[in-house]
Every structure is written in structure tokens, then in C-alpha cells.
């Protein structure tokens, strides 16, 4: 048995569920640990918008994987022979082939590479059809504005918020800077005649002030709990400029335009190799 642990926000959970689907396709018995998505200070389970289903691991199965049962016999055995923890954490940010081989295992990590699920690409795309998305006036208004631009619409994702927190500076600082976005926009204009830019951010007021002119559209009015609405709108755009974020990665991946241009930062995280997160459609800048 293999258990895949859900963690993080929507983008991360989509990678984790894609791995679940891949392992299932390999004939493995696979469950999901979604217990990390509940409780104070934890991110909620956000996959429901897609209407996906999975078998959920129960406490007994999780205790067995981590060898954490507290009955007297288990405690005595651990004292004599040590813990038999079957947890396996993905090694680094690049594709880790052992993730697909470990069995039994409790798999922990981000699994942010198409290499984990490329063999079932169509199945993953079908799973992420926004089946439970309830459109509202906001979503419909932006959807129509995007479709009006047809193939010239460009989603630009700027992640601020936690990325500006000093404690994360070592990971994110100096990657998706104002200068980088300026270069990305100039390059996109060269590649897409008449490009119309739709800006998505968790700091829309700042984006509106910085990029609000020249016909640019700042997508406003969303909430963190309804981030899937912005993901849906991003995927409707003909092209994408993505941040070093799993959220905008999926916005680009779900874009079905066969001629899409996707511009991504050539450095994903400071001090870490993340070469396997990039897809063949991406232009690195």
C-alpha cells in the first residue's frame, strides 16, 4: 500500500493528486492522507472544485505506516528494535524516481514535475475540469473579457504576500522582480501580436497601481478560498507569464491552446535545482 500525503495550497495539492492517479495507473493500492488539510493554521483541502475522488487513509493505516501505535506491545517493540517508519520524503525539488518505486510507503513532498504523471497526461487533464465550479458575476465578466481577446489574451501571475516575507527571502528574493516582469511582457509582445494582459495576484491593489495602464486588466475581487476561480480564468487565456508558483504552473498547464507561449523564470528557487518543473512548452527567462 502507498499513501500520498496532501499538503500546501491548491497548486501543490494538484501535483499530489496527479501523483496519486499515476500510482493507481501502475496497479498499486493507493490512498490519500488528507488529515494535514484540517485544523488550526492548516491549509484546507481544495480539490473539491474538480469533483475528484480518492480513498482516504484512516488513522490506523497512518499509524501503521509511521509505526506510531501507542499500545504497550508496539511501544515495547520500538524500544527493542527501533521504529519501522515507512515515510518517504521526496529527495529535493527535481524528479525523484524512488517516489514511483516505494511500496509500502507514506509519500511526502511536492512532486512538482510533469515527469511524475506525463504517462497519464490526458487522465490528469480530464480530472481537472472544474466540474464543481459555480460561476458568478465576477467570473463570468472576466471570462467574457478574456474570450473577447481570443488567442491574444495573456495571463500574468504575480505572487506577493508570503513571497515578500523576510523569512522566505533566501528562497524567493531576486527571482520574479519588477525588471523580470518587464522583460517577460516585452518578450510576450514580440511573440503575440496585440497581446492583451490579464494580471492575477494576491495583492491586486499593488498590481493595479504598478501595471494598471495601457489597457491592462487587473483581475480583482477573488479570495484565497476561491483561488480556483482565478486558476480557471488563467487557464482560459491563450498564453501565460507565470511566477515561480505551482498555482500559475497549473494555470499554464491547463491552457489547451496548442500554440501557447508560456514564459517562466529560469530560476525557480534560490539555491535549489528545480529543472524538472519546466515543461517543453516553456520559454525560460
C-alpha atoms as a PDB file:
ATOM      1  CA  UNK A   1       0.000   0.000   0.000  1.00  0.00           C
ATOM      2  CA  UNK A   2       1.090   3.547  -0.789  1.00  0.00           C
ATOM      3  CA  UNK A   3      -0.335   6.663   0.880  1.00  0.00           C
ATOM      4  CA  UNK A   4       0.153  10.100  -0.711  1.00  0.00           C
ATOM      5  CA  UNK A   5       0.046  12.977   1.758  1.00  0.00           C
ATOM      6  CA  UNK A   6      -1.815  16.149   0.765  1.00  0.00           C
ATOM      7  CA  UNK A   7      -0.245  19.440   1.827  1.00  0.00           C
ATOM      8  CA  UNK A   8       0.025  23.073   0.780  1.00  0.00           C
ATOM      9  CA  UNK A   9      -2.368  25.122  -1.302  1.00  0.00           C
ATOM     10  CA  UNK A  10      -4.346  24.251  -4.414  1.00  0.00           C
ATOM     11  CA  UNK A  11      -1.370  24.059  -6.791  1.00  0.00           C
ATOM     12  CA  UNK A  12       0.564  21.712  -4.515  1.00  0.00           C
ATOM     13  CA  UNK A  13      -2.466  19.520  -3.906  1.00  0.00           C
ATOM     14  CA  UNK A  14      -2.978  19.202  -7.666  1.00  0.00           C
ATOM     15  CA  UNK A  15       0.555  17.842  -8.073  1.00  0.00           C
ATOM     16  CA  UNK A  16      -0.010  15.427  -5.192  1.00  0.00           C
ATOM     17  CA  UNK A  17      -3.305  14.155  -6.591  1.00  0.00           C
ATOM     18  CA  UNK A  18      -1.727  13.770 -10.051  1.00  0.00           C
ATOM     19  CA  UNK A  19       0.875  11.505  -8.423  1.00  0.00           C
ATOM     20  CA  UNK A  20      -1.956   9.550  -6.779  1.00  0.00           C
ATOM     21  CA  UNK A  21      -3.517   8.984 -10.217  1.00  0.00           C
ATOM     22  CA  UNK A  22      -0.191   7.865 -11.685  1.00  0.00           C
ATOM     23  CA  UNK A  23       0.404   5.337  -8.913  1.00  0.00           C
ATOM     24  CA  UNK A  24      -3.133   3.998  -9.358  1.00  0.00           C
ATOM     25  CA  UNK A  25      -2.487   3.593 -13.090  1.00  0.00           C
ATOM     26  CA  UNK A  26       0.548   1.450 -12.194  1.00  0.00           C
ATOM     27  CA  UNK A  27      -1.733  -1.021 -10.415  1.00  0.00           C
ATOM     28  CA  UNK A  28      -0.742  -0.036  -6.890  1.00  0.00           C
ATOM     29  CA  UNK A  29      -3.090   0.115  -3.917  1.00  0.00           C
ATOM     30  CA  UNK A  30      -3.076   3.859  -3.168  1.00  0.00           C
ATOM     31  CA  UNK A  31      -4.766   6.035  -0.554  1.00  0.00           C
ATOM     32  CA  UNK A  32      -4.573   9.742   0.285  1.00  0.00           C
ATOM     33  CA  UNK A  33      -3.706  11.250   3.659  1.00  0.00           C
ATOM     34  CA  UNK A  34      -5.790  14.429   3.810  1.00  0.00           C
ATOM     35  CA  UNK A  35      -5.569  14.820   7.595  1.00  0.00           C
ATOM     36  CA  UNK A  36      -2.983  17.588   7.123  1.00  0.00           C
ATOM     37  CA  UNK A  37      -5.693  19.725   5.488  1.00  0.00           C
ATOM     38  CA  UNK A  38      -7.747  20.218   8.634  1.00  0.00           C
ATOM     39  CA  UNK A  39      -7.211  22.070  11.879  1.00  0.00           C
ATOM     40  CA  UNK A  40      -5.998  25.496  13.060  1.00  0.00           C
ATOM     41  CA  UNK A  41      -3.364  27.089  10.843  1.00  0.00           C
ATOM     42  CA  UNK A  42      -3.571  24.390   8.184  1.00  0.00           C
ATOM     43  CA  UNK A  43      -4.482  24.818   4.514  1.00  0.00           C
ATOM     44  CA  UNK A  44      -7.854  23.358   3.592  1.00  0.00           C
ATOM     45  CA  UNK A  45      -8.456  20.593   1.089  1.00  0.00           C
ATOM     46  CA  UNK A  46      -9.117  22.494  -2.137  1.00  0.00           C
ATOM     47  CA  UNK A  47      -9.546  19.710  -4.685  1.00  0.00           C
ATOM     48  CA  UNK A  48     -13.324  19.513  -4.278  1.00  0.00           C
ATOM     49  CA  UNK A  49     -13.869  22.050  -7.068  1.00  0.00           C
ATOM     50  CA  UNK A  50     -12.752  19.373  -9.521  1.00  0.00           C
ATOM     51  CA  UNK A  51     -15.103  16.729  -8.177  1.00  0.00           C
ATOM     52  CA  UNK A  52     -12.239  14.260  -7.791  1.00  0.00           C
ATOM     53  CA  UNK A  53     -12.479  11.167  -5.632  1.00  0.00           C
ATOM     54  CA  UNK A  54      -9.967   9.037  -3.764  1.00  0.00           C
ATOM     55  CA  UNK A  55      -9.718   6.560  -0.938  1.00  0.00           C
ATOM     56  CA  UNK A  56      -8.746   8.320   2.293  1.00  0.00           C
ATOM     57  CA  UNK A  57      -6.311   6.704   4.705  1.00  0.00           C
ATOM     58  CA  UNK A  58      -7.629   6.268   8.231  1.00  0.00           C
ATOM     59  CA  UNK A  59      -5.733   6.750  11.490  1.00  0.00           C
ATOM     60  CA  UNK A  60      -4.961   3.062  11.847  1.00  0.00           C
ATOM     61  CA  UNK A  61      -3.363   2.912   8.393  1.00  0.00           C
ATOM     62  CA  UNK A  62      -1.338   6.065   9.058  1.00  0.00           C
ATOM     63  CA  UNK A  63      -0.111   4.748  12.407  1.00  0.00           C
ATOM     64  CA  UNK A  64       0.961   1.538  10.709  1.00  0.00           C
ATOM     65  CA  UNK A  65       2.944   3.465   8.080  1.00  0.00           C
ATOM     66  CA  UNK A  66       4.708   5.638  10.655  1.00  0.00           C
ATOM     67  CA  UNK A  67       4.951   2.923  13.308  1.00  0.00           C
ATOM     68  CA  UNK A  68       3.343   5.251  15.830  1.00  0.00           C
ATOM     69  CA  UNK A  69       0.808   2.981  17.528  1.00  0.00           C
ATOM     70  CA  UNK A  70       0.830   3.584  21.284  1.00  0.00           C
ATOM     71  CA  UNK A  71      -0.296   0.177  22.540  1.00  0.00           C
ATOM     72  CA  UNK A  72       2.098  -1.446  25.056  1.00  0.00           C
ATOM     73  CA  UNK A  73       3.305  -4.133  22.631  1.00  0.00           C
ATOM     74  CA  UNK A  74       4.228  -1.607  19.903  1.00  0.00           C
ATOM     75  CA  UNK A  75       5.991   0.658  22.382  1.00  0.00           C
ATOM     76  CA  UNK A  76       7.984  -2.256  23.799  1.00  0.00           C
ATOM     77  CA  UNK A  77       8.994  -3.445  20.309  1.00  0.00           C
ATOM     78  CA  UNK A  78      10.211   0.055  19.333  1.00  0.00           C
ATOM     79  CA  UNK A  79      12.372   0.180  22.454  1.00  0.00           C
ATOM     80  CA  UNK A  80      13.987  -3.106  21.485  1.00  0.00           C
ATOM     81  CA  UNK A  81      14.354  -2.792  17.714  1.00  0.00           C
ATOM     82  CA  UNK A  82      13.641   0.844  16.819  1.00  0.00           C
ATOM     83  CA  UNK A  83      10.909   2.482  14.769  1.00  0.00           C
ATOM     84  CA  UNK A  84       9.870   0.984  11.418  1.00  0.00           C
ATOM     85  CA  UNK A  85       8.789   4.232   9.816  1.00  0.00           C
ATOM     86  CA  UNK A  86       7.780   3.783   6.164  1.00  0.00           C
ATOM     87  CA  UNK A  87       7.549   7.525   5.465  1.00  0.00           C
ATOM     88  CA  UNK A  88       9.489   8.636   2.398  1.00  0.00           C
ATOM     89  CA  UNK A  89      10.136  12.295   1.630  1.00  0.00           C
ATOM     90  CA  UNK A  90      10.851  13.301  -1.946  1.00  0.00           C
ATOM     91  CA  UNK A  91      14.565  13.992  -2.364  1.00  0.00           C
ATOM     92  CA  UNK A  92      14.912  17.653  -3.353  1.00  0.00           C
ATOM     93  CA  UNK A  93      12.884  19.559  -5.941  1.00  0.00           C
ATOM     94  CA  UNK A  94      13.731  17.529  -9.042  1.00  0.00           C
ATOM     95  CA  UNK A  95      12.051  14.337 -10.200  1.00  0.00           C
ATOM     96  CA  UNK A  96      12.794  11.513  -7.765  1.00  0.00           C
ATOM     97  CA  UNK A  97      12.274   8.080  -9.398  1.00  0.00           C
ATOM     98  CA  UNK A  98      12.108   6.378  -5.997  1.00  0.00           C
ATOM     99  CA  UNK A  99       8.739   8.073  -5.421  1.00  0.00           C
ATOM    100  CA  UNK A 100       7.246   5.779  -8.072  1.00  0.00           C
ATOM    101  CA  UNK A 101       9.022   2.711  -6.695  1.00  0.00           C
ATOM    102  CA  UNK A 102       8.488   2.885  -2.920  1.00  0.00           C
ATOM    103  CA  UNK A 103       5.841   0.399  -1.759  1.00  0.00           C
ATOM    104  CA  UNK A 104       4.762   0.292   1.014  1.00  0.00           C
ATOM    105  CA  UNK A 105       5.273   3.957   1.798  1.00  0.00           C
ATOM    106  CA  UNK A 106       3.787   7.191   3.084  1.00  0.00           C
ATOM    107  CA  UNK A 107       4.906   9.645   0.398  1.00  0.00           C
ATOM    108  CA  UNK A 108       5.598  13.227   1.443  1.00  0.00           C
ATOM    109  CA  UNK A 109       6.730  16.056  -0.810  1.00  0.00           C
ATOM    110  CA  UNK A 110       5.644  18.448  -3.543  1.00  0.00           C
ATOM    111  CA  UNK A 111       6.163  16.238  -6.631  1.00  0.00           C
ATOM    112  CA  UNK A 112       6.285  19.322  -8.856  1.00  0.00           C
ATOM    113  CA  UNK A 113       7.183  17.785 -12.184  1.00  0.00           C
ATOM    114  CA  UNK A 114       5.205  16.529 -15.147  1.00  0.00           C
ATOM    115  CA  UNK A 115       7.595  13.579 -15.152  1.00  0.00           C
ATOM    116  CA  UNK A 116       5.560  12.058 -12.328  1.00  0.00           C
ATOM    117  CA  UNK A 117       2.387  11.907 -14.405  1.00  0.00           C
ATOM    118  CA  UNK A 118       3.303  12.533 -18.045  1.00  0.00           C
ATOM    119  CA  UNK A 119       2.240   8.990 -18.988  1.00  0.00           C
ATOM    120  CA  UNK A 120      -1.337   9.766 -17.907  1.00  0.00           C
ATOM    121  CA  UNK A 121      -1.437  13.375 -19.084  1.00  0.00           C
ATOM    122  CA  UNK A 122      -4.921  13.061 -20.599  1.00  0.00           C
ATOM    123  CA  UNK A 123      -6.309  11.473 -17.431  1.00  0.00           C
ATOM    124  CA  UNK A 124      -4.934  14.295 -15.287  1.00  0.00           C
ATOM    125  CA  UNK A 125      -6.340  16.918 -17.636  1.00  0.00           C
ATOM    126  CA  UNK A 126      -9.731  15.216 -17.503  1.00  0.00           C
ATOM    127  CA  UNK A 127      -9.589  15.155 -13.688  1.00  0.00           C
ATOM    128  CA  UNK A 128      -9.066  18.928 -13.545  1.00  0.00           C
ATOM    129  CA  UNK A 129     -12.143  20.044 -15.490  1.00  0.00           C
ATOM    130  CA  UNK A 130     -13.549  22.411 -12.808  1.00  0.00           C
ATOM    131  CA  UNK A 131     -16.698  20.276 -12.647  1.00  0.00           C
ATOM    132  CA  UNK A 132     -17.928  21.869  -9.431  1.00  0.00           C
ATOM    133  CA  UNK A 133     -17.121  25.464 -10.383  1.00  0.00           C
ATOM    134  CA  UNK A 134     -20.169  27.649  -9.783  1.00  0.00           C
ATOM    135  CA  UNK A 135     -19.796  30.704 -11.998  1.00  0.00           C
ATOM    136  CA  UNK A 136     -20.774  34.056 -10.557  1.00  0.00           C
ATOM    137  CA  UNK A 137     -20.959  37.560 -11.940  1.00  0.00           C
ATOM    138  CA  UNK A 138     -17.260  38.194 -11.309  1.00  0.00           C
ATOM    139  CA  UNK A 139     -16.087  35.015 -13.030  1.00  0.00           C
ATOM    140  CA  UNK A 140     -18.449  35.463 -15.963  1.00  0.00           C
ATOM    141  CA  UNK A 141     -17.397  39.073 -16.521  1.00  0.00           C
ATOM    142  CA  UNK A 142     -13.699  38.215 -16.694  1.00  0.00           C
ATOM    143  CA  UNK A 143     -14.357  35.058 -18.709  1.00  0.00           C
ATOM    144  CA  UNK A 144     -16.091  37.087 -21.422  1.00  0.00           C
ATOM    145  CA  UNK A 145     -13.339  39.709 -21.441  1.00  0.00           C
ATOM    146  CA  UNK A 146     -10.720  37.004 -21.885  1.00  0.00           C
ATOM    147  CA  UNK A 147     -12.639  35.260 -24.660  1.00  0.00           C
ATOM    148  CA  UNK A 148     -13.121  38.569 -26.487  1.00  0.00           C
ATOM    149  CA  UNK A 149      -9.349  38.713 -26.965  1.00  0.00           C
ATOM    150  CA  UNK A 150      -9.318  35.179 -28.357  1.00  0.00           C
ATOM    151  CA  UNK A 151      -5.744  33.949 -28.815  1.00  0.00           C
ATOM    152  CA  UNK A 152      -4.176  37.275 -27.777  1.00  0.00           C
ATOM    153  CA  UNK A 153      -5.092  37.051 -24.078  1.00  0.00           C
ATOM    154  CA  UNK A 154      -2.123  36.665 -21.715  1.00  0.00           C
ATOM    155  CA  UNK A 155      -2.398  35.712 -18.035  1.00  0.00           C
ATOM    156  CA  UNK A 156       0.304  37.288 -15.870  1.00  0.00           C
ATOM    157  CA  UNK A 157       0.663  35.879 -12.355  1.00  0.00           C
ATOM    158  CA  UNK A 158       2.413  37.929  -9.666  1.00  0.00           C
ATOM    159  CA  UNK A 159       2.658  36.253  -6.286  1.00  0.00           C
ATOM    160  CA  UNK A 160       3.359  38.605  -3.415  1.00  0.00           C
ATOM    161  CA  UNK A 161       2.112  38.126   0.149  1.00  0.00           C
ATOM    162  CA  UNK A 162       4.115  35.266   1.661  1.00  0.00           C
ATOM    163  CA  UNK A 163       6.796  35.626  -1.042  1.00  0.00           C
ATOM    164  CA  UNK A 164       7.693  39.029   0.456  1.00  0.00           C
ATOM    165  CA  UNK A 165       8.031  37.670   3.998  1.00  0.00           C
ATOM    166  CA  UNK A 166      11.659  38.215   5.149  1.00  0.00           C
ATOM    167  CA  UNK A 167      11.847  34.658   6.478  1.00  0.00           C
ATOM    168  CA  UNK A 168      11.439  33.347   2.900  1.00  0.00           C
ATOM    169  CA  UNK A 169      13.876  35.821   1.318  1.00  0.00           C
ATOM    170  CA  UNK A 170      16.541  33.166   0.906  1.00  0.00           C
ATOM    171  CA  UNK A 171      14.223  31.119  -1.307  1.00  0.00           C
ATOM    172  CA  UNK A 172      12.364  33.719  -3.376  1.00  0.00           C
ATOM    173  CA  UNK A 173      14.214  37.034  -3.325  1.00  0.00           C
ATOM    174  CA  UNK A 174      15.504  38.381  -6.621  1.00  0.00           C
ATOM    175  CA  UNK A 175      13.680  35.943  -8.925  1.00  0.00           C
ATOM    176  CA  UNK A 176      10.390  37.392 -10.200  1.00  0.00           C
ATOM    177  CA  UNK A 177      11.359  41.050  -9.855  1.00  0.00           C
ATOM    178  CA  UNK A 178       9.741  44.082 -11.497  1.00  0.00           C
ATOM    179  CA  UNK A 179      12.567  44.027 -14.039  1.00  0.00           C
ATOM    180  CA  UNK A 180      11.898  40.362 -14.806  1.00  0.00           C
ATOM    181  CA  UNK A 181       8.195  41.023 -15.424  1.00  0.00           C
ATOM    182  CA  UNK A 182       9.097  43.970 -17.632  1.00  0.00           C
ATOM    183  CA  UNK A 183      11.309  41.741 -19.782  1.00  0.00           C
ATOM    184  CA  UNK A 184       8.688  38.979 -19.855  1.00  0.00           C
ATOM    185  CA  UNK A 185       5.990  41.393 -21.009  1.00  0.00           C
ATOM    186  CA  UNK A 186       8.248  42.796 -23.727  1.00  0.00           C
ATOM    187  CA  UNK A 187       9.065  39.292 -24.946  1.00  0.00           C
ATOM    188  CA  UNK A 188       5.400  38.289 -24.938  1.00  0.00           C
ATOM    189  CA  UNK A 189       4.505  41.338 -27.033  1.00  0.00           C
ATOM    190  CA  UNK A 190       7.069  40.204 -29.599  1.00  0.00           C
ATOM    191  CA  UNK A 191       5.635  36.697 -29.713  1.00  0.00           C
ATOM    192  CA  UNK A 192       1.918  37.574 -29.530  1.00  0.00           C
ATOM    193  CA  UNK A 193       0.755  40.468 -31.738  1.00  0.00           C
ATOM    194  CA  UNK A 194      -1.878  42.566 -29.977  1.00  0.00           C
ATOM    195  CA  UNK A 195      -1.258  40.845 -26.652  1.00  0.00           C
ATOM    196  CA  UNK A 196      -3.861  41.746 -24.000  1.00  0.00           C
ATOM    197  CA  UNK A 197      -2.605  41.260 -20.438  1.00  0.00           C
ATOM    198  CA  UNK A 198      -4.739  39.995 -17.547  1.00  0.00           C
ATOM    199  CA  UNK A 199      -2.944  40.317 -14.205  1.00  0.00           C
ATOM    200  CA  UNK A 200      -3.623  37.867 -11.373  1.00  0.00           C
ATOM    201  CA  UNK A 201      -2.203  38.422  -7.889  1.00  0.00           C
ATOM    202  CA  UNK A 202      -2.820  38.054  -4.169  1.00  0.00           C
ATOM    203  CA  UNK A 203      -2.059  41.801  -3.990  1.00  0.00           C
ATOM    204  CA  UNK A 204      -4.327  43.282  -6.696  1.00  0.00           C
ATOM    205  CA  UNK A 205      -4.138  46.847  -5.356  1.00  0.00           C
ATOM    206  CA  UNK A 206      -0.362  46.917  -5.808  1.00  0.00           C
ATOM    207  CA  UNK A 207      -0.637  45.329  -9.251  1.00  0.00           C
ATOM    208  CA  UNK A 208      -3.288  47.813 -10.339  1.00  0.00           C
ATOM    209  CA  UNK A 209      -1.056  50.701  -9.306  1.00  0.00           C
ATOM    210  CA  UNK A 210       2.022  49.201 -10.959  1.00  0.00           C
ATOM    211  CA  UNK A 211       0.527  47.755 -14.155  1.00  0.00           C
ATOM    212  CA  UNK A 212      -2.894  49.360 -14.422  1.00  0.00           C
ATOM    213  CA  UNK A 213      -2.354  51.382 -17.595  1.00  0.00           C
ATOM    214  CA  UNK A 214      -2.279  50.737 -21.340  1.00  0.00           C
ATOM    215  CA  UNK A 215      -5.407  48.594 -21.434  1.00  0.00           C
ATOM    216  CA  UNK A 216      -4.096  46.049 -18.927  1.00  0.00           C
ATOM    217  CA  UNK A 217      -6.712  44.283 -16.814  1.00  0.00           C
ATOM    218  CA  UNK A 218      -6.170  43.501 -13.131  1.00  0.00           C
ATOM    219  CA  UNK A 219      -8.408  40.608 -12.086  1.00  0.00           C
ATOM    220  CA  UNK A 220      -9.942  41.657  -8.765  1.00  0.00           C
ATOM    221  CA  UNK A 221     -12.489  40.521  -6.223  1.00  0.00           C
ATOM    222  CA  UNK A 222     -11.285  36.995  -5.582  1.00  0.00           C
ATOM    223  CA  UNK A 223     -10.457  35.375  -2.254  1.00  0.00           C
ATOM    224  CA  UNK A 224      -7.924  32.794  -1.120  1.00  0.00           C
ATOM    225  CA  UNK A 225     -10.700  30.273  -0.514  1.00  0.00           C
ATOM    226  CA  UNK A 226     -11.906  30.767  -4.097  1.00  0.00           C
ATOM    227  CA  UNK A 227      -8.475  30.725  -5.725  1.00  0.00           C
ATOM    228  CA  UNK A 228      -9.719  28.070  -8.119  1.00  0.00           C
ATOM    229  CA  UNK A 229     -11.771  30.791  -9.837  1.00  0.00           C
ATOM    230  CA  UNK A 230      -8.595  32.631 -10.795  1.00  0.00           C
ATOM    231  CA  UNK A 231      -6.953  29.360 -11.813  1.00  0.00           C
ATOM    232  CA  UNK A 232      -9.891  28.710 -14.136  1.00  0.00           C
ATOM    233  CA  UNK A 233      -9.650  32.199 -15.639  1.00  0.00           C
ATOM    234  CA  UNK A 234      -5.882  31.907 -16.070  1.00  0.00           C
ATOM    235  CA  UNK A 235      -6.324  28.635 -17.941  1.00  0.00           C
ATOM    236  CA  UNK A 236      -8.716  30.319 -20.393  1.00  0.00           C
ATOM    237  CA  UNK A 237      -6.042  32.778 -21.517  1.00  0.00           C
ATOM    238  CA  UNK A 238      -4.189  31.961 -24.706  1.00  0.00           C
ATOM    239  CA  UNK A 239      -0.738  32.481 -23.158  1.00  0.00           C
ATOM    240  CA  UNK A 240       0.847  32.807 -19.712  1.00  0.00           C
ATOM    241  CA  UNK A 241       3.623  34.604 -17.868  1.00  0.00           C
ATOM    242  CA  UNK A 242       3.978  32.552 -14.715  1.00  0.00           C
ATOM    243  CA  UNK A 243       5.591  33.189 -11.350  1.00  0.00           C
ATOM    244  CA  UNK A 244       7.706  30.592  -9.554  1.00  0.00           C
ATOM    245  CA  UNK A 245       4.469  29.208  -8.173  1.00  0.00           C
ATOM    246  CA  UNK A 246       2.690  25.868  -8.535  1.00  0.00           C
ATOM    247  CA  UNK A 247      -0.577  27.810  -8.854  1.00  0.00           C
ATOM    248  CA  UNK A 248       0.349  29.591 -12.073  1.00  0.00           C
ATOM    249  CA  UNK A 249       2.198  26.470 -13.293  1.00  0.00           C
ATOM    250  CA  UNK A 250      -1.182  24.721 -13.391  1.00  0.00           C
ATOM    251  CA  UNK A 251      -2.840  27.758 -14.952  1.00  0.00           C
ATOM    252  CA  UNK A 252      -0.442  27.371 -17.873  1.00  0.00           C
ATOM    253  CA  UNK A 253      -0.592  23.573 -17.985  1.00  0.00           C
ATOM    254  CA  UNK A 254      -4.404  23.559 -18.176  1.00  0.00           C
ATOM    255  CA  UNK A 255      -4.345  26.038 -21.070  1.00  0.00           C
ATOM    256  CA  UNK A 256      -5.342  23.894 -24.060  1.00  0.00           C
ATOM    257  CA  UNK A 257      -4.077  26.296 -26.744  1.00  0.00           C
ATOM    258  CA  UNK A 258      -1.668  24.168 -28.853  1.00  0.00           C
ATOM    259  CA  UNK A 259       0.214  27.321 -29.894  1.00  0.00           C
ATOM    260  CA  UNK A 260       0.540  28.835 -26.435  1.00  0.00           C
ATOM    261  CA  UNK A 261       3.558  30.775 -25.269  1.00  0.00           C
ATOM    262  CA  UNK A 262       4.460  30.261 -21.613  1.00  0.00           C
ATOM    263  CA  UNK A 263       7.229  32.392 -20.105  1.00  0.00           C
ATOM    264  CA  UNK A 264       8.688  31.172 -16.808  1.00  0.00           C
ATOM    265  CA  UNK A 265      11.573  32.320 -14.584  1.00  0.00           C
ATOM    266  CA  UNK A 266      14.705  30.335 -15.404  1.00  0.00           C
ATOM    267  CA  UNK A 267      15.479  30.239 -11.676  1.00  0.00           C
ATOM    268  CA  UNK A 268      12.608  28.729  -9.655  1.00  0.00           C
ATOM    269  CA  UNK A 269      14.093  28.775  -6.152  1.00  0.00           C
ATOM    270  CA  UNK A 270      17.349  30.194  -4.842  1.00  0.00           C
ATOM    271  CA  UNK A 271      19.971  27.598  -4.070  1.00  0.00           C
ATOM    272  CA  UNK A 272      17.979  24.606  -5.327  1.00  0.00           C
ATOM    273  CA  UNK A 273      17.851  22.715  -8.586  1.00  0.00           C
ATOM    274  CA  UNK A 274      14.303  22.719  -9.973  1.00  0.00           C
ATOM    275  CA  UNK A 275      14.984  21.849 -13.614  1.00  0.00           C
ATOM    276  CA  UNK A 276      12.275  19.182 -13.779  1.00  0.00           C
ATOM    277  CA  UNK A 277       9.459  21.595 -13.008  1.00  0.00           C
ATOM    278  CA  UNK A 278       9.727  23.060 -16.504  1.00  0.00           C
ATOM    279  CA  UNK A 279       7.767  21.670 -19.449  1.00  0.00           C
ATOM    280  CA  UNK A 280       8.750  21.666 -23.106  1.00  0.00           C
ATOM    281  CA  UNK A 281       6.258  24.474 -23.833  1.00  0.00           C
ATOM    282  CA  UNK A 282       8.004  26.934 -21.525  1.00  0.00           C
ATOM    283  CA  UNK A 283      10.318  29.747 -22.573  1.00  0.00           C
ATOM    284  CA  UNK A 284      12.772  30.379 -19.724  1.00  0.00           C
ATOM    285  CA  UNK A 285      13.776  33.962 -18.989  1.00  0.00           C
END
